[in-house]
Protein backbone atom coordinates (compact mmCIF):
# COMPACT_ATOMS: atom_id res chain seq x y z
CA UNK A 1 -28.64 1.08 -52.98
CA UNK A 2 -29.46 3.87 -50.32
CA UNK A 3 -32.53 1.84 -48.93
CA UNK A 4 -30.10 -0.88 -47.55
CA UNK A 5 -29.16 1.01 -44.64
CA UNK A 6 -32.60 2.18 -43.37
CA UNK A 7 -34.09 -1.00 -44.28
CA UNK A 8 -31.92 -3.27 -42.09
CA UNK A 9 -32.13 -0.77 -39.25
CA UNK A 10 -35.85 -0.70 -39.43
CA UNK A 11 -36.09 -4.47 -39.69
CA UNK A 12 -35.33 -6.80 -37.19
CA UNK A 13 -31.86 -6.98 -35.89
CA UNK A 14 -32.64 -9.70 -33.65
CA UNK A 15 -35.01 -13.13 -33.78
CA UNK A 16 -37.75 -11.21 -31.12
CA UNK A 17 -38.19 -8.62 -33.63
CA UNK A 18 -38.41 -10.75 -36.71
CA UNK A 19 -40.84 -13.04 -34.90
CA UNK A 20 -43.03 -9.99 -34.33
CA UNK A 21 -42.88 -8.99 -37.99
CA UNK A 22 -43.61 -12.56 -39.11
CA UNK A 23 -46.46 -12.77 -36.87
CA UNK A 24 -48.01 -9.53 -37.89
CA UNK A 25 -47.73 -10.53 -41.61
CA UNK A 26 -49.77 -13.86 -40.59
CA UNK A 27 -52.48 -12.00 -38.72
CA UNK A 28 -52.71 -9.30 -41.67
CA UNK A 29 -53.10 -11.90 -44.27
CA UNK A 30 -55.59 -14.13 -42.19
CA UNK A 31 -57.75 -10.86 -41.70
CA UNK A 32 -57.74 -10.17 -45.35
CA UNK A 33 -58.52 -13.81 -46.09
CA UNK A 34 -61.71 -13.61 -43.78
CA UNK A 35 -62.83 -10.26 -45.40
CA UNK A 36 -62.74 -11.67 -48.87
CA UNK A 37 -64.86 -14.64 -47.41
CA UNK A 38 -67.54 -12.34 -46.12
CA UNK A 39 -66.73 -13.18 -42.24
CA UNK A 40 -66.77 -10.06 -39.87
CA UNK A 41 -66.68 -9.81 -36.44
CA UNK A 42 -68.50 -6.61 -35.61
CA UNK A 43 -65.43 -4.36 -36.02
CA UNK A 44 -63.21 -4.07 -39.06
CA UNK A 45 -60.10 -4.73 -37.49
CA UNK A 46 -58.53 -5.47 -40.62
CA UNK A 47 -57.66 -2.07 -41.38
CA UNK A 48 -55.41 -1.91 -38.22
CA UNK A 49 -53.73 -4.89 -39.56
CA UNK A 50 -53.43 -3.42 -43.09
CA UNK A 51 -50.05 -1.48 -42.37
CA UNK A 52 -48.65 -4.53 -40.85
CA UNK A 53 -49.23 -6.35 -43.88
CA UNK A 54 -47.21 -3.74 -46.04
CA UNK A 55 -44.41 -3.47 -43.66
CA UNK A 56 -44.05 -7.11 -43.21
CA UNK A 57 -44.15 -7.76 -46.76
CA UNK A 58 -41.47 -5.36 -47.54
CA UNK A 59 -39.19 -6.85 -44.68
CA UNK A 60 -39.77 -10.63 -45.75
CA UNK A 61 -39.54 -10.53 -49.53
CA UNK A 62 -37.12 -7.69 -50.38
CA UNK A 63 -34.03 -9.40 -51.07
CA UNK A 64 -30.40 -8.19 -51.25
CA UNK A 65 -29.14 -7.29 -54.82
CA UNK A 66 -25.86 -9.06 -54.39
CA UNK A 67 -26.52 -12.57 -52.86
CA UNK A 68 -30.17 -12.58 -53.68
CA UNK A 69 -31.18 -13.52 -50.01
CA UNK A 70 -34.07 -12.04 -47.97
CA UNK A 71 -32.87 -9.55 -45.22
CA UNK A 72 -35.45 -11.80 -42.77
CA UNK A 73 -33.67 -14.86 -43.56
CA UNK A 74 -30.30 -13.60 -42.62
CA UNK A 75 -31.49 -11.68 -39.57
CA UNK A 76 -32.69 -14.76 -38.01
CA UNK A 77 -29.36 -16.22 -37.71
CA UNK A 78 -28.35 -13.69 -35.06
CA UNK A 79 -29.99 -15.79 -32.54
CA UNK A 80 -27.11 -18.11 -33.12
CA UNK A 81 -24.50 -15.89 -31.90
CA UNK A 82 -22.48 -15.70 -35.06
CA UNK A 83 -19.31 -13.82 -34.97
CA UNK A 84 -20.30 -11.32 -37.67
CA UNK A 85 -22.85 -9.55 -35.67
CA UNK A 86 -20.25 -6.92 -34.50
CA UNK A 87 -19.05 -6.19 -38.18
CA UNK A 88 -22.28 -6.18 -39.12
CA UNK A 89 -23.25 -3.26 -36.99
CA UNK A 90 -20.18 -1.19 -38.15
CA UNK A 91 -20.48 -2.04 -41.74
CA UNK A 92 -24.06 -1.74 -42.22
CA UNK A 93 -24.20 -4.25 -44.92
CA UNK A 94 -26.39 -7.07 -45.90
CA UNK A 95 -25.93 -9.82 -43.23
CA UNK A 96 -25.68 -12.56 -45.98
CA UNK A 97 -22.95 -10.55 -47.77
CA UNK A 98 -20.93 -9.90 -44.51
CA UNK A 99 -21.37 -13.61 -43.60
CA UNK A 100 -20.03 -14.94 -46.84
CA UNK A 101 -17.05 -12.54 -46.78
CA UNK A 102 -16.17 -13.71 -43.22
CA UNK A 103 -16.39 -17.20 -44.28
CA UNK A 104 -14.10 -16.77 -47.13
CA UNK A 105 -11.58 -14.84 -44.83
CA UNK A 106 -11.85 -17.78 -42.30
CA UNK A 107 -10.97 -20.33 -45.08
CA UNK A 108 -7.84 -18.28 -45.89
CA UNK A 109 -6.87 -18.28 -42.24
CA UNK A 110 -5.82 -14.67 -41.66
CA UNK A 111 -7.66 -11.84 -40.02
CA UNK A 112 -8.73 -8.62 -41.25
CA UNK A 113 -5.94 -6.64 -39.82
CA UNK A 114 -3.46 -8.98 -41.26
CA UNK A 115 -5.06 -9.00 -44.77
CA UNK A 116 -5.03 -5.20 -45.05
CA UNK A 117 -1.36 -5.21 -44.00
CA UNK A 118 -0.51 -7.82 -46.77
CA UNK A 119 -2.50 -5.75 -49.12
CA UNK A 120 -0.58 -2.59 -48.48
CA UNK A 121 2.55 -4.55 -48.54
CA UNK A 122 1.86 -6.12 -51.79
CA UNK A 123 0.83 -2.50 -53.45
CA UNK A 124 4.41 -1.10 -52.08
CA UNK A 125 6.44 -4.13 -53.27
CA UNK A 126 4.75 -4.67 -56.65
CA UNK A 127 6.93 -6.99 -58.82
CA UNK A 128 9.82 -7.06 -56.24
CA UNK A 129 11.16 -10.41 -54.93
CA UNK A 130 11.30 -10.18 -51.01
CA UNK A 131 13.15 -13.58 -50.72
CA UNK A 132 16.47 -13.17 -49.21
CA UNK A 133 19.10 -15.12 -47.20
CA UNK A 134 21.43 -14.42 -44.70
CA UNK A 135 24.81 -16.05 -44.25
CA UNK A 136 26.77 -16.18 -41.00
CA UNK A 137 30.08 -17.55 -40.73
CA UNK A 138 30.46 -18.93 -37.06
CA UNK A 139 34.28 -19.39 -37.63
CA UNK A 140 34.94 -15.56 -37.68
CA UNK A 141 33.24 -15.59 -34.39
CA UNK A 142 35.45 -15.82 -31.30
CA UNK A 143 32.89 -17.45 -28.77
CA UNK A 144 35.52 -18.16 -26.19
CA UNK A 145 36.44 -14.67 -25.76
CA UNK A 146 32.90 -13.46 -25.46
CA UNK A 147 32.43 -15.94 -22.68
CA UNK A 148 35.40 -14.83 -20.86
CA UNK A 149 34.17 -11.27 -21.21
CA UNK A 150 30.61 -12.03 -19.91
CA UNK A 151 32.18 -14.07 -16.75
CA UNK A 152 34.24 -10.90 -16.00
CA UNK A 153 31.20 -8.50 -16.40
CA UNK A 154 29.31 -10.61 -13.98
CA UNK A 155 31.96 -10.62 -11.37
CA UNK A 156 32.30 -6.69 -11.65
CA UNK A 157 28.75 -6.47 -11.04
CA UNK A 158 28.53 -8.73 -8.12
CA UNK A 159 31.58 -6.70 -6.46
CA UNK A 160 29.52 -3.53 -7.08
CA UNK A 161 26.54 -4.76 -5.64
CA UNK A 162 28.26 -6.17 -2.55
CA UNK A 163 29.91 -2.72 -2.11
CA UNK A 164 26.47 -0.74 -2.33
CA UNK A 165 24.95 -3.46 0.11
CA UNK A 166 27.83 -2.40 2.71
CA UNK A 167 27.25 1.25 2.10
CA UNK A 168 23.72 1.00 2.87
CA UNK A 169 24.27 -0.79 5.78
CA UNK A 170 26.59 1.70 7.15
CA UNK A 171 24.34 4.50 6.25
CA UNK A 172 21.47 2.78 8.07
CA UNK A 173 23.59 2.44 11.42
CA UNK A 174 24.29 6.00 11.19
CA UNK A 175 20.47 6.84 11.33
CA UNK A 176 19.33 7.83 14.56
CA UNK A 177 16.81 5.69 16.57
CA UNK A 178 16.37 3.34 13.46
CA UNK A 179 15.41 0.33 16.03
CA UNK A 180 13.56 2.26 18.63
CA UNK A 181 10.05 1.26 18.74
CA UNK A 182 8.83 3.98 21.17
CA UNK A 183 5.69 5.89 19.96
CA UNK A 184 6.09 9.71 19.01
CA UNK A 185 3.88 12.13 20.76
CA UNK A 186 3.04 14.96 18.37
CA UNK A 187 2.08 18.49 18.89
CA UNK A 188 0.04 19.48 15.86
CA UNK A 189 1.09 22.45 13.56
CA UNK A 190 -1.80 24.97 14.82
CA UNK A 191 -0.29 24.76 18.28
CA UNK A 192 3.24 25.45 17.17
CA UNK A 193 2.99 29.21 17.07
CA UNK A 194 6.68 29.69 18.28
CA UNK A 195 8.17 27.63 15.32
CA UNK A 196 6.55 30.09 12.80
CA UNK A 197 8.36 33.07 10.86
CA UNK A 198 7.32 35.42 8.65
CA UNK A 199 8.50 37.29 5.29
CA UNK A 200 10.97 34.57 3.99
CA UNK A 201 11.96 34.68 0.61
CA UNK A 202 11.11 32.07 -1.95
CA UNK A 203 13.62 29.59 -2.83
CA UNK A 204 15.09 29.67 -6.27
CA UNK A 205 14.06 27.37 -8.93
CA UNK A 206 17.38 25.47 -9.10
CA UNK A 207 16.64 24.29 -5.49
CA UNK A 208 13.25 23.16 -6.38
CA UNK A 209 14.33 21.13 -9.54
CA UNK A 210 17.35 19.60 -7.71
CA UNK A 211 15.14 18.37 -4.77
CA UNK A 212 14.53 14.79 -4.44
CA UNK A 213 10.66 14.08 -4.21
CA UNK A 214 9.99 11.82 -1.39
CA UNK A 215 6.01 11.50 -1.13
CA UNK A 216 3.21 12.45 -3.54
CA UNK A 217 -0.39 12.80 -2.92
CA UNK A 218 -2.27 14.93 -0.41
CA UNK A 219 -0.63 15.45 2.92
CA UNK A 220 -2.99 14.59 5.76
CA UNK A 221 -1.09 15.93 8.49
CA UNK A 222 2.25 17.30 9.76
CA UNK A 223 3.46 17.60 13.16
CA UNK A 224 6.66 17.53 15.72
CA UNK A 225 7.15 15.27 18.62
CA UNK A 226 7.33 16.50 21.89
CA UNK A 227 11.12 17.15 22.26
CA UNK A 228 11.24 18.92 18.98
CA UNK A 229 13.61 16.31 17.60
CA UNK A 230 11.53 14.64 14.77
CA UNK A 231 9.24 15.99 11.90
CA UNK A 232 6.49 13.67 10.90
CA UNK A 233 4.67 13.97 7.57
CA UNK A 234 1.53 11.92 6.90
CA UNK A 235 0.41 11.77 3.24
CA UNK A 236 -2.01 9.44 1.38
CA UNK A 237 0.91 7.63 0.04
CA UNK A 238 2.71 6.90 3.50
CA UNK A 239 4.29 8.24 6.73
CA UNK A 240 7.63 10.02 6.80
CA UNK A 241 9.69 10.91 9.66
CA UNK A 242 12.54 13.37 9.55
CA UNK A 243 15.46 14.52 12.01
CA UNK A 244 15.01 18.52 12.59
CA UNK A 245 18.69 18.84 12.42
CA UNK A 246 19.71 17.30 9.38
CA UNK A 247 16.30 16.35 7.81
CA UNK A 248 17.58 12.75 7.33
CA UNK A 249 14.54 10.44 6.93
CA UNK A 250 14.79 7.81 9.72
CA UNK A 251 12.56 4.75 10.32
CA UNK A 252 10.52 4.68 13.48
CA UNK A 253 7.33 2.75 14.87
CA UNK A 254 5.00 4.90 16.14
CA UNK A 255 1.25 5.34 16.95
CA UNK A 256 -0.71 8.57 16.67
CA UNK A 257 -4.25 9.78 16.22
CA UNK A 258 -4.86 11.84 12.91
CA UNK A 259 -6.30 15.36 12.92
CA UNK A 260 -8.70 16.61 10.50
CA UNK A 261 -8.04 14.57 7.30
CA UNK A 262 -7.24 16.18 3.96
CA UNK A 263 -5.22 19.34 4.57
CA UNK A 264 -2.94 21.14 7.10
CA UNK A 265 -3.35 24.22 9.09
CA UNK A 266 -1.87 27.22 7.51
CA UNK A 267 1.01 28.91 8.69
CA UNK A 268 2.24 32.62 8.61
CA UNK A 269 -0.13 35.06 6.93
CA UNK A 270 -2.72 32.25 6.56
CA UNK A 271 -2.49 30.99 10.01
CA UNK A 272 -6.44 30.73 10.29
CA UNK A 273 -6.91 28.81 6.99
CA UNK A 274 -6.00 25.25 5.62
CA UNK A 275 -3.86 24.38 2.64
CA UNK A 276 -4.31 21.18 0.37
CA UNK A 277 -0.62 19.93 -0.21
CA UNK A 278 0.03 17.73 -3.14
CA UNK A 279 3.96 17.18 -3.08
CA UNK A 280 6.61 16.82 -0.52
CA UNK A 281 10.29 17.38 -1.59
CA UNK A 282 13.52 17.71 0.47
CA UNK A 283 16.99 18.63 -0.05
CA UNK A 284 20.32 18.68 2.37
CA UNK A 285 18.81 20.98 4.90
CA UNK A 286 15.33 22.13 4.06
CA UNK A 287 11.75 20.50 3.31
CA UNK A 288 9.29 21.89 0.93
CA UNK A 289 5.46 21.28 0.85
CA UNK A 290 3.82 22.38 -2.49
CA UNK A 291 0.06 23.36 -2.52
CA UNK A 292 -2.41 21.67 -5.00
CA UNK A 293 -3.02 25.08 -6.80
CA UNK A 294 0.79 25.86 -6.56
CA UNK A 295 0.05 29.32 -4.79
CA UNK A 296 1.84 28.46 -1.65
CA UNK A 297 4.84 26.67 -0.42
CA UNK A 298 5.45 25.38 3.02
CA UNK A 299 9.11 26.02 3.60
CA UNK A 300 10.98 24.29 6.48
CA UNK A 301 14.34 24.85 7.72
CA UNK A 302 15.68 23.66 11.03
CA UNK A 303 14.08 25.83 13.61
CA UNK A 304 11.66 28.01 11.07
CA UNK A 305 8.38 27.07 9.32
CA UNK A 306 7.37 29.54 6.67
CA UNK A 307 4.66 29.74 4.38
CA UNK A 308 5.85 31.28 1.12
CA UNK A 309 3.34 32.63 -1.56
CA UNK A 310 4.55 31.91 -4.90
């Protein structure tokens, strides 16, 4: 039955094409009938309609060997939007056979995935009885003790959360200028030549791995305030302000004009170039900005700003 796939693909998959085939069949039959009766119109156009007659006859009258229904009859059902259309395109079988199989599946009340799973389970568990019972003796369970343990755990959790909140409040008070709403005036990196240093060594891998990531995404700008007390890092994920002495992150309300978007000015040997930065990480007293190609690392310590080639 190799003809089945090509026949259905070349025949109509929708009602529009089937109507064209049916009309060509009717026109071809009419042309041949008029030719037999001796009626001509000055041009033997029935020769043009003869191939359509042969093709349309094959489409209309060839039946499926399984369900004995014509392909043309079942293909017209696609105009009703039946749910077997997707499956029909995948299986490439007779639409009548597919529709019949789906109707039987709907009567049973299960889907194709569940049916495959049940068939596989039945093959693996042939002849085994899967019925079992679970006996639970509720008298052996000490429900009162479990309730008391749960209440004690909840008390300890609430006490630890209260302690954590108090510690956070104390740490917020220790931060500098946490409630100051004055704006920070920035001198951008290309103007800070005095803060650059050269020839610094690359930090060890343990320092990098132990560093805590605070910002991901391309860094748009990096700068300092006019008094050289705060470091500002602007990335696509947010804005971050650090103190230059301890590199603690502080909360400040500021307004600023962004420099050229997408990169920072190079420092050290690449002072005339730009570097695309993708990661900002900090440890106790140092800040690291990693480039996108991981070739360069902008390393900052209080008082120095160094570009390290990895």
